[in-house]
Amino acid sequence: MMRKRLIIWGYFIKNLGDDLMLSSFLNSNDTYEDIYIITKKQYVNYYKGLGVNTITSDSLVYKILNIILYGFHLHSPYFYLPKFFNADFMILGGSLFIESSRRYSIYQIRNLKYAVTKSSRSYVIGSNFGPYSTDEFYQNYKDIFSMCDDVCFRDDYSYQLFSSLNTTRYAPDIVLSGMWEKKNSYRKEEAYVVISVINLENRDNLKGKTAEFERKLKEISDYHTSNGERVILASFCKQEGDLVACERIKSNCKDQDLVTILNYENFDMLNIIKNAKILYGARFHSIILAIYYNIPCLPFVYSKKTLNALKSYTNNFSHVNLLDIENTSSDIIIKSVNKISVSDSVLEDSFNQLKGIK
């Protein structure tokens, strides 16, 4: 009997949020025996440890093949796998449908359309849509979603954009389900503060806010260390520069002995996060984890995806807009920390992200 295979496309460069989504799916999977993702050579061992097969986009063979296929206006090699293996295809991840340069966006759309049409079954799990600026981009993805067997968005805004399609639905972010977590895990609040950091220098619309944002995080750190509390600067994705930003912030802190940098290496990082007394979160999934662990927190919002998701889950939250960070004092930020309460039904409904997989 042929082994049932699944080809997953997503953002797999050792980013905690995306890896939690992948792990949630893997821990619930009883459908597929062979699962493939595309990543880079440096992450192969890590993802194999999670239980998936890997294709490396930066291997010499892949790069040469990609250049040849692109020259003939064909698709990237990875997107031929659903047809080659007679496999199902899954798009798994959050912000995968962002309109960037027209050339890149059209190439991605062509790749995804091909994979969806050539797969046995196709799914979109845990995504939000946008930002986008053209109707052409929207209509192309509407065509893709209409051809899928199941499309589950993680926020109501994205769902409403495509609610006319009978293939689309909404469920809260899959990480809220806790399907990634080891059994018998418990939380014991400790006297330290976690700050999830992102590197704004790598984001064109926020690059000019880098110095002010990091200055505010330094002031928040100084406030807590002056009260004898430890501060942990958390890097969720080294590849995107989180670790470098953490190092810059720590170098300017008054009491560096009480400031620790925590870089995501494996899921042991969650044992630190879950016991935090307070969490200041720039990474989207740091806020999701704070909700899941019932930790008082404050989101730093750098895109509408966070606001759209939080508004889908609750009306009870404060936030800081990074586009307006210079007009928000560190005192106000510290005083705005509170628990983001969601109903039990939101946590239960997050399991529905995967209910369409057959």
Protein backbone atom coordinates (compact mmCIF):
# COMPACT_ATOMS: atom_id res chain seq x y z
CA MET A 1 0.00 0.00 0.00
CA MET A 2 1.33 3.46 -0.91
CA ARG A 3 2.38 5.59 2.04
CA LYS A 4 0.26 8.73 2.36
CA ARG A 5 2.47 11.78 1.84
CA LEU A 6 2.07 15.46 2.64
CA ILE A 7 4.08 18.37 1.24
CA ILE A 8 4.04 21.42 3.54
CA TRP A 9 4.98 24.90 2.39
CA GLY A 10 5.64 27.51 5.05
CA TYR A 11 8.30 29.61 6.76
CA PHE A 12 10.69 27.12 8.29
CA ILE A 13 13.89 28.92 9.28
CA LYS A 14 13.73 28.16 13.01
CA ASN A 15 11.16 30.76 14.00
CA LEU A 16 9.46 29.81 17.27
CA GLY A 17 5.95 30.80 16.20
CA ASP A 18 5.99 28.86 12.93
CA ASP A 19 7.65 25.89 14.59
CA LEU A 20 4.91 25.78 17.25
CA MET A 21 2.32 25.69 14.48
CA LEU A 22 4.19 22.89 12.73
CA SER A 23 4.57 20.95 15.98
CA SER A 24 0.85 21.37 16.73
CA PHE A 25 0.03 19.73 13.43
CA LEU A 26 2.62 16.97 13.82
CA ASN A 27 1.43 16.09 17.34
CA SER A 28 -2.14 15.71 16.10
CA ASN A 29 -1.30 13.96 12.83
CA ASP A 30 -2.70 10.48 12.32
CA THR A 31 -3.18 10.83 8.56
CA TYR A 32 0.26 11.08 6.99
CA GLU A 33 3.28 8.79 7.20
CA ASP A 34 5.69 10.91 5.15
CA ILE A 35 5.76 14.69 5.64
CA TYR A 36 8.08 17.06 3.78
CA ILE A 37 9.01 20.70 4.39
CA ILE A 38 11.39 23.06 2.61
CA THR A 39 14.10 24.72 4.69
CA LYS A 40 17.82 25.54 4.59
CA LYS A 41 20.78 23.23 5.19
CA GLN A 42 21.61 24.70 8.59
CA TYR A 43 18.17 23.74 9.96
CA VAL A 44 17.90 20.21 8.56
CA ASN A 45 18.84 18.35 11.76
CA TYR A 46 16.48 20.44 13.84
CA TYR A 47 13.45 19.78 11.66
CA LYS A 48 14.30 16.12 11.22
CA GLY A 49 14.21 15.99 15.02
CA LEU A 50 10.63 17.20 14.88
CA GLY A 51 9.80 14.27 12.61
CA VAL A 52 9.70 15.64 9.07
CA ASN A 53 11.66 15.06 5.87
CA THR A 54 13.48 18.08 4.50
CA ILE A 55 14.20 19.59 1.10
CA THR A 56 16.92 22.27 1.21
CA SER A 57 16.44 25.33 -0.96
CA ASP A 58 20.10 26.35 -0.63
CA SER A 59 21.61 23.04 -1.76
CA LEU A 60 23.62 23.24 -4.98
CA VAL A 61 21.37 20.83 -6.87
CA TYR A 62 18.20 22.66 -5.85
CA LYS A 63 19.61 26.08 -6.75
CA ILE A 64 20.78 24.93 -10.19
CA LEU A 65 17.47 23.23 -10.91
CA ASN A 66 15.59 26.31 -9.73
CA ILE A 67 17.56 28.58 -12.07
CA ILE A 68 16.91 26.29 -15.04
CA LEU A 69 13.19 26.01 -14.35
CA TYR A 70 12.85 29.75 -13.75
CA GLY A 71 14.61 30.43 -17.05
CA PHE A 72 11.90 28.42 -18.82
CA HIS A 73 9.14 30.23 -16.86
CA LEU A 74 8.37 27.05 -14.94
CA HIS A 75 7.84 26.48 -11.23
CA SER A 76 10.27 26.11 -8.33
CA PRO A 77 11.28 22.45 -7.85
CA TYR A 78 9.55 22.04 -4.48
CA PHE A 79 6.11 22.73 -5.92
CA TYR A 80 6.36 19.74 -8.28
CA LEU A 81 6.48 17.34 -5.31
CA PRO A 82 2.69 16.99 -4.84
CA LYS A 83 2.43 15.69 -8.42
CA PHE A 84 5.63 13.63 -8.24
CA PHE A 85 4.62 11.91 -4.98
CA ASN A 86 0.87 11.91 -5.65
CA ALA A 87 0.73 13.75 -2.33
CA ASP A 88 -1.46 16.21 -0.48
CA PHE A 89 -0.31 19.83 -0.16
CA MET A 90 -0.56 22.12 2.87
CA ILE A 91 0.20 25.80 3.29
CA LEU A 92 0.97 26.16 7.00
CA GLY A 93 1.85 29.45 8.66
CA GLY A 94 0.77 32.96 9.50
CA SER A 95 1.84 35.83 7.29
CA LEU A 96 2.45 33.93 4.05
CA PHE A 97 0.17 35.98 1.80
CA ILE A 98 1.79 39.42 1.78
CA GLU A 99 1.92 41.47 -1.40
CA SER A 100 5.53 42.53 -1.89
CA SER A 101 7.26 43.15 -5.20
CA ARG A 102 5.02 42.26 -8.14
CA ARG A 103 7.63 39.94 -9.63
CA TYR A 104 7.98 37.89 -6.43
CA SER A 105 4.24 37.88 -5.69
CA ILE A 106 3.30 36.59 -9.15
CA TYR A 107 6.00 33.89 -8.99
CA GLN A 108 4.73 32.71 -5.59
CA ILE A 109 1.15 32.68 -6.84
CA ARG A 110 2.12 30.59 -9.87
CA ASN A 111 3.97 28.11 -7.66
CA LEU A 112 1.09 27.74 -5.22
CA LYS A 113 -1.54 27.42 -7.95
CA TYR A 114 0.41 24.63 -9.55
CA ALA A 115 0.92 22.74 -6.28
CA VAL A 116 -2.74 23.10 -5.30
CA THR A 117 -4.04 21.90 -8.66
CA LYS A 118 -1.62 18.94 -8.82
CA SER A 119 -2.12 17.69 -5.25
CA SER A 120 -4.57 15.02 -4.20
CA ARG A 121 -5.96 17.33 -1.51
CA SER A 122 -4.86 20.80 -0.46
CA TYR A 123 -5.18 22.85 2.71
CA VAL A 124 -4.37 26.26 4.17
CA ILE A 125 -3.89 26.20 7.95
CA GLY A 126 -3.38 29.06 10.41
CA SER A 127 -2.93 31.96 8.00
CA ASN A 128 -3.91 35.58 7.83
CA PHE A 129 -4.22 37.48 4.55
CA GLY A 130 -2.32 40.62 3.59
CA PRO A 131 -1.35 43.29 3.72
CA TYR A 132 -2.12 43.72 0.04
CA SER A 133 -2.73 46.71 -2.22
CA THR A 134 -4.02 45.42 -5.56
CA ASP A 135 -7.19 43.64 -6.60
CA GLU A 136 -5.09 41.42 -8.88
CA PHE A 137 -3.27 40.00 -5.84
CA TYR A 138 -6.54 39.42 -4.00
CA GLN A 139 -8.26 37.76 -6.97
CA ASN A 140 -5.31 35.44 -7.59
CA TYR A 141 -5.48 34.15 -4.03
CA LYS A 142 -9.25 33.92 -4.19
CA ASP A 143 -8.75 31.53 -7.13
CA ILE A 144 -6.19 29.50 -5.13
CA PHE A 145 -8.40 29.29 -2.03
CA SER A 146 -11.40 28.25 -4.13
CA MET A 147 -9.42 25.26 -5.42
CA CYS A 148 -8.34 24.10 -1.94
CA ASP A 149 -10.26 21.50 0.02
CA ASP A 150 -10.09 23.50 3.25
CA VAL A 151 -8.83 27.00 4.10
CA CYS A 152 -8.79 28.02 7.77
CA PHE A 153 -7.79 31.58 8.65
CA ARG A 154 -6.71 32.55 12.16
CA ASP A 155 -8.51 35.91 12.22
CA ASP A 156 -12.02 36.97 11.29
CA TYR A 157 -10.86 39.86 9.10
CA SER A 158 -9.06 37.51 6.69
CA TYR A 159 -11.98 35.11 6.68
CA GLN A 160 -14.46 37.87 5.82
CA LEU A 161 -12.38 38.78 2.75
CA PHE A 162 -13.07 35.30 1.34
CA SER A 163 -16.26 34.29 3.15
CA SER A 164 -18.10 33.93 -0.17
CA LEU A 165 -16.03 30.78 -0.85
CA ASN A 166 -17.42 27.56 0.58
CA THR A 167 -13.86 26.32 1.22
CA THR A 168 -12.99 28.99 3.80
CA ARG A 169 -13.58 29.24 7.53
CA TYR A 170 -12.12 30.77 10.70
CA ALA A 171 -10.65 29.35 13.91
CA PRO A 172 -8.32 30.97 16.48
CA ASP A 173 -4.56 30.54 16.16
CA ILE A 174 -3.60 26.89 16.46
CA VAL A 175 -0.95 27.63 19.13
CA LEU A 176 -3.78 28.47 21.56
CA SER A 177 -4.71 24.78 21.44
CA GLY A 178 -1.53 23.77 23.27
CA MET A 179 -1.18 20.76 20.97
CA TRP A 180 2.55 21.48 20.77
CA GLU A 181 3.02 21.20 24.54
CA LYS A 182 4.28 18.23 26.51
CA LYS A 183 1.77 16.59 28.80
CA ASN A 184 1.67 17.43 32.51
CA SER A 185 3.20 20.85 31.95
CA TYR A 186 2.47 23.37 34.67
CA ARG A 187 3.11 27.03 35.34
CA LYS A 188 4.80 28.50 38.40
CA GLU A 189 5.12 32.26 38.29
CA GLU A 190 8.63 33.51 39.00
CA ALA A 191 10.07 36.97 39.59
CA TYR A 192 11.36 37.68 36.11
CA VAL A 193 10.09 39.58 33.12
CA VAL A 194 10.26 38.39 29.51
CA ILE A 195 10.54 40.85 26.63
CA SER A 196 10.03 39.43 23.13
CA VAL A 197 12.22 41.47 20.79
CA ILE A 198 12.17 42.01 17.03
CA ASN A 199 14.75 43.77 14.90
CA LEU A 200 12.99 46.70 13.25
CA GLU A 201 16.02 47.39 11.06
CA ASN A 202 14.89 44.50 8.86
CA ARG A 203 11.41 45.97 8.27
CA ASP A 204 11.24 48.74 5.71
CA ASN A 205 8.18 50.49 7.17
CA LEU A 206 9.60 50.43 10.71
CA LYS A 207 13.35 50.86 10.20
CA GLY A 208 13.17 54.47 11.33
CA LYS A 209 11.63 53.42 14.65
CA THR A 210 14.50 51.10 15.66
CA ALA A 211 16.39 53.44 17.99
CA GLU A 212 13.26 54.66 19.78
CA PHE A 213 11.81 51.16 20.18
CA GLU A 214 15.03 49.76 21.59
CA ARG A 215 15.40 52.76 23.89
CA LYS A 216 11.93 52.07 25.29
CA LEU A 217 12.80 48.40 25.86
CA LYS A 218 15.99 49.49 27.61
CA GLU A 219 13.98 51.80 29.89
CA ILE A 220 11.48 49.02 30.65
CA SER A 221 14.37 46.69 31.47
CA ASP A 222 15.95 49.30 33.75
CA TYR A 223 12.65 49.80 35.57
CA HIS A 224 12.33 46.12 36.38
CA THR A 225 15.97 45.53 37.28
CA SER A 226 15.86 48.57 39.61
CA ASN A 227 13.15 46.67 41.48
CA GLY A 228 15.39 43.61 41.74
CA GLU A 229 13.62 41.67 39.00
CA ARG A 230 15.47 39.73 36.32
CA VAL A 231 14.76 40.62 32.70
CA ILE A 232 14.98 38.10 29.88
CA LEU A 233 15.30 39.47 26.35
CA ALA A 234 13.84 36.76 24.11
CA SER A 235 14.92 36.17 20.52
CA PHE A 236 12.30 34.08 18.70
CA CYS A 237 14.09 34.11 15.34
CA LYS A 238 17.84 34.60 15.03
CA GLN A 239 17.59 34.56 11.23
CA GLU A 240 15.50 37.75 11.30
CA GLY A 241 17.90 39.58 13.60
CA ASP A 242 16.11 39.23 16.94
CA LEU A 243 19.31 38.14 18.69
CA VAL A 244 21.30 41.11 17.39
CA ALA A 245 18.60 43.49 18.64
CA CYS A 246 18.63 41.81 22.06
CA GLU A 247 22.39 42.31 22.28
CA ARG A 248 22.08 46.00 21.42
CA ILE A 249 19.42 46.54 24.08
CA LYS A 250 21.34 44.69 26.80
CA SER A 251 24.53 46.65 26.07
CA ASN A 252 22.71 49.85 27.05
CA CYS A 253 21.00 48.55 30.20
CA LYS A 254 22.09 49.92 33.56
CA ASP A 255 22.29 46.58 35.41
CA GLN A 256 23.41 44.08 32.81
CA ASP A 257 23.94 41.41 35.45
CA LEU A 258 20.17 41.15 35.82
CA VAL A 259 19.52 41.06 32.06
CA THR A 260 19.73 37.74 30.23
CA ILE A 261 19.40 37.01 26.52
CA LEU A 262 17.44 33.90 25.57
CA ASN A 263 17.72 32.72 21.96
CA TYR A 264 15.35 30.13 20.53
CA GLU A 265 17.25 26.87 20.14
CA ASN A 266 14.48 24.38 20.97
CA PHE A 267 11.15 24.20 22.78
CA ASP A 268 12.87 24.29 26.18
CA MET A 269 12.55 28.05 25.74
CA LEU A 270 8.87 27.65 26.58
CA ASN A 271 9.72 26.55 30.12
CA ILE A 272 11.17 30.02 30.68
CA ILE A 273 8.38 31.91 28.95
CA LYS A 274 5.52 30.14 30.74
CA ASN A 275 6.83 31.05 34.21
CA ALA A 276 7.29 34.74 33.48
CA LYS A 277 5.70 37.26 35.80
CA ILE A 278 5.10 39.72 32.94
CA LEU A 279 5.60 39.53 29.18
CA TYR A 280 6.12 42.43 26.78
CA GLY A 281 5.61 41.01 23.31
CA ALA A 282 6.71 42.20 19.90
CA ARG A 283 6.50 38.76 18.26
CA PHE A 284 2.92 37.74 17.48
CA HIS A 285 3.24 34.31 19.07
CA SER A 286 4.73 35.74 22.24
CA ILE A 287 1.30 37.29 22.83
CA ILE A 288 -0.45 34.05 21.93
CA LEU A 289 1.74 32.26 24.48
CA ALA A 290 0.99 34.91 27.11
CA ILE A 291 -2.74 34.34 26.53
CA TYR A 292 -2.31 30.57 26.69
CA TYR A 293 -0.27 30.73 29.92
CA ASN A 294 -2.41 33.53 31.41
CA ILE A 295 0.57 35.87 31.78
CA PRO A 296 0.01 39.64 32.14
CA CYS A 297 1.33 41.14 28.93
CA LEU A 298 1.46 44.09 26.56
CA PRO A 299 1.60 43.63 22.78
CA PHE A 300 3.82 45.83 20.65
CA VAL A 301 1.89 45.89 17.40
CA TYR A 302 3.87 46.30 14.18
CA SER A 303 1.26 45.02 11.71
CA LYS A 304 -2.50 44.64 11.44
CA LYS A 305 -2.20 40.86 11.76
CA THR A 306 -1.81 41.12 15.54
CA LEU A 307 -4.71 43.55 15.97
CA ASN A 308 -6.97 41.58 13.62
CA ALA A 309 -6.26 38.36 15.49
CA LEU A 310 -6.68 39.83 18.98
CA LYS A 311 -9.94 41.54 17.97
CA SER A 312 -11.17 38.15 16.79
CA TYR A 313 -10.47 36.59 20.19
CA THR A 314 -11.32 39.33 22.69
CA ASN A 315 -12.03 43.03 23.28
CA ASN A 316 -10.01 43.04 26.48
CA PHE A 317 -6.51 44.17 25.58
CA SER A 318 -4.21 47.18 25.46
CA HIS A 319 -1.41 47.59 22.96
CA VAL A 320 1.36 49.88 21.76
CA ASN A 321 1.54 50.81 18.09
CA LEU A 322 5.18 50.69 17.00
CA LEU A 323 4.47 53.26 14.30
CA ASP A 324 3.72 55.69 17.14
CA ILE A 325 6.30 54.44 19.65
CA GLU A 326 7.94 57.86 20.08
CA ASN A 327 4.67 59.22 21.50
CA THR A 328 4.28 56.49 24.11
CA SER A 329 6.34 56.77 27.29
CA SER A 330 7.88 53.73 28.95
CA ASP A 331 5.86 54.61 32.08
CA ILE A 332 2.61 54.30 30.11
CA ILE A 333 3.80 51.02 28.59
CA ILE A 334 4.60 49.55 32.00
CA LYS A 335 1.26 50.66 33.47
CA SER A 336 -0.66 49.22 30.51
CA VAL A 337 0.32 45.60 31.19
CA ASN A 338 -2.66 43.36 31.94
CA LYS A 339 -3.94 39.86 31.33
CA ILE A 340 -5.61 39.33 27.98
CA SER A 341 -8.61 37.20 28.83
CA VAL A 342 -10.25 35.00 26.21
CA SER A 343 -13.23 32.72 26.65
CA ASP A 344 -12.86 28.97 26.97
CA SER A 345 -14.61 28.66 23.61
CA VAL A 346 -11.74 30.53 21.91
CA LEU A 347 -9.22 28.05 23.29
CA GLU A 348 -11.45 25.12 22.36
CA ASP A 349 -12.14 26.46 18.85
CA SER A 350 -8.41 26.70 18.11
CA PHE A 351 -8.43 22.90 17.76
CA ASN A 352 -10.73 23.41 14.75
CA GLN A 353 -7.83 24.71 12.67
CA LEU A 354 -7.16 21.08 11.72
CA LYS A 355 -10.67 19.68 11.51
CA GLY A 356 -10.77 19.81 7.71
CA ILE A 357 -7.77 17.51 7.21
CA LYS A 358 -8.77 14.12 5.82
